Protein backbone atom coordinates (compact mmCIF):
# COMPACT_ATOMS: atom_id res chain seq x y z
CA MET A 1 18.02 -4.53 -22.07
CA LYS A 2 14.25 -4.21 -22.22
CA GLY A 3 13.84 -7.67 -20.72
CA PHE A 4 16.24 -6.78 -17.93
CA ASP A 5 14.24 -3.59 -17.24
CA SER A 6 11.12 -5.65 -16.68
CA GLU A 7 13.01 -8.06 -14.42
CA ILE A 8 14.22 -5.16 -12.26
CA GLU A 9 10.67 -3.80 -12.05
CA LYS A 10 9.35 -7.24 -11.09
CA ALA A 11 11.99 -7.58 -8.37
CA VAL A 12 11.12 -4.16 -6.95
CA ASP A 13 7.40 -4.98 -7.05
CA ARG A 14 8.02 -8.28 -5.23
CA ALA A 15 10.11 -6.47 -2.63
CA GLY A 16 7.32 -3.94 -2.11
CA LYS A 17 4.82 -6.75 -1.58
CA ALA A 18 7.17 -8.51 0.83
CA ALA A 19 7.67 -5.29 2.80
CA GLY A 20 3.89 -4.84 2.96
CA TRP A 21 3.44 -8.38 4.26
CA MET A 22 6.14 -7.82 6.89
CA PHE A 23 4.28 -4.71 8.07
CA ALA A 24 0.98 -6.62 8.16
CA LEU A 25 2.56 -9.48 10.13
CA GLY A 26 4.05 -6.96 12.55
CA VAL A 27 0.62 -5.44 13.16
CA LEU A 28 -0.87 -8.91 13.57
CA THR A 29 1.86 -9.78 16.07
CA LEU A 30 1.08 -6.67 18.10
CA ILE A 31 -2.66 -7.37 18.04
CA LEU A 32 -2.23 -11.00 19.07
CA GLY A 33 0.24 -9.96 21.77
CA GLY A 34 -2.27 -7.45 23.10
CA VAL A 35 -5.06 -10.01 23.10
CA GLY A 36 -2.78 -12.59 24.70
CA SER A 37 -1.79 -10.14 27.42
CA PHE A 38 -5.32 -10.28 28.83
CA ARG A 39 -4.87 -13.99 29.44
CA ASP A 40 -1.45 -13.92 31.11
CA GLU A 41 -1.44 -10.50 32.80
CA GLY A 42 0.72 -8.62 30.30
CA GLY A 43 3.48 -11.10 29.54
CA ALA A 44 2.53 -11.73 25.92
CA VAL A 45 2.73 -8.08 24.95
CA TRP A 46 6.35 -7.93 26.12
CA LEU A 47 7.14 -10.90 23.90
CA ALA A 48 5.20 -9.45 20.96
CA LEU A 49 6.95 -6.06 20.95
CA PRO A 50 10.42 -7.31 19.93
CA GLY A 51 8.90 -9.69 17.40
CA ALA A 52 6.84 -6.93 15.83
CA GLY A 53 9.85 -4.63 15.87
CA LEU A 54 11.92 -7.21 14.01
CA LEU A 55 9.17 -7.69 11.43
CA PHE A 56 8.82 -3.93 10.90
CA GLY A 57 12.60 -3.60 10.66
CA MET A 58 12.87 -6.37 8.08
CA GLY A 59 10.14 -4.70 6.04
CA VAL A 60 12.08 -1.44 6.08
CA VAL A 61 15.31 -3.22 5.10
CA ILE A 62 13.59 -4.99 2.19
CA ASN A 63 12.09 -1.70 1.01
CA LEU A 64 15.43 0.12 1.25
CA LEU A 65 17.22 -2.63 -0.67
CA ALA A 66 14.61 -2.43 -3.43
CA MET A 67 15.02 1.34 -3.67
CA HIS A 68 18.79 0.91 -3.76
CA LEU A 69 18.51 -1.66 -6.55
CA MET A 70 16.29 0.66 -8.59
CA GLU A 71 18.54 3.68 -8.09
CA THR A 72 21.68 1.70 -8.92
CA TRP A 73 20.03 0.43 -12.08
CA ARG A 74 19.00 3.96 -13.10
CA GLN A 75 22.48 5.37 -12.48
CA GLY A 76 24.06 2.55 -14.45
CA ARG A 77 21.85 3.26 -17.44
CA ARG A 78 22.37 7.05 -17.60
CA PRO A 79 25.79 7.13 -19.28
CA SER A 80 24.73 4.76 -22.06
CA GLU A 81 21.54 6.73 -22.75
CA GLU A 82 23.30 10.11 -22.85
CA ALA A 83 26.31 8.96 -24.87
CA PRO A 84 26.99 11.22 -27.87
CA GLY A 85 26.79 9.73 -31.33
CA GLU A 86 23.95 7.30 -30.64
């Protein structure tokens, strides 16, 4: 079980990093859309907003799934740790 604990922690850490990268790419998309809007009179920013929103949303989904995995793992372990006679 100890090895599985470390695998769960690694998965949650990877999910946190992925969510961080999604946020960073969303910010980069907004910045590039803003810069591009100077060249084409505002059209690029309207294309960048949905793209950035999707990136932010995927980052949130990844983070929520990681939290759900961790909480499910903790709840699954509680009965075995609190079992009488061990």
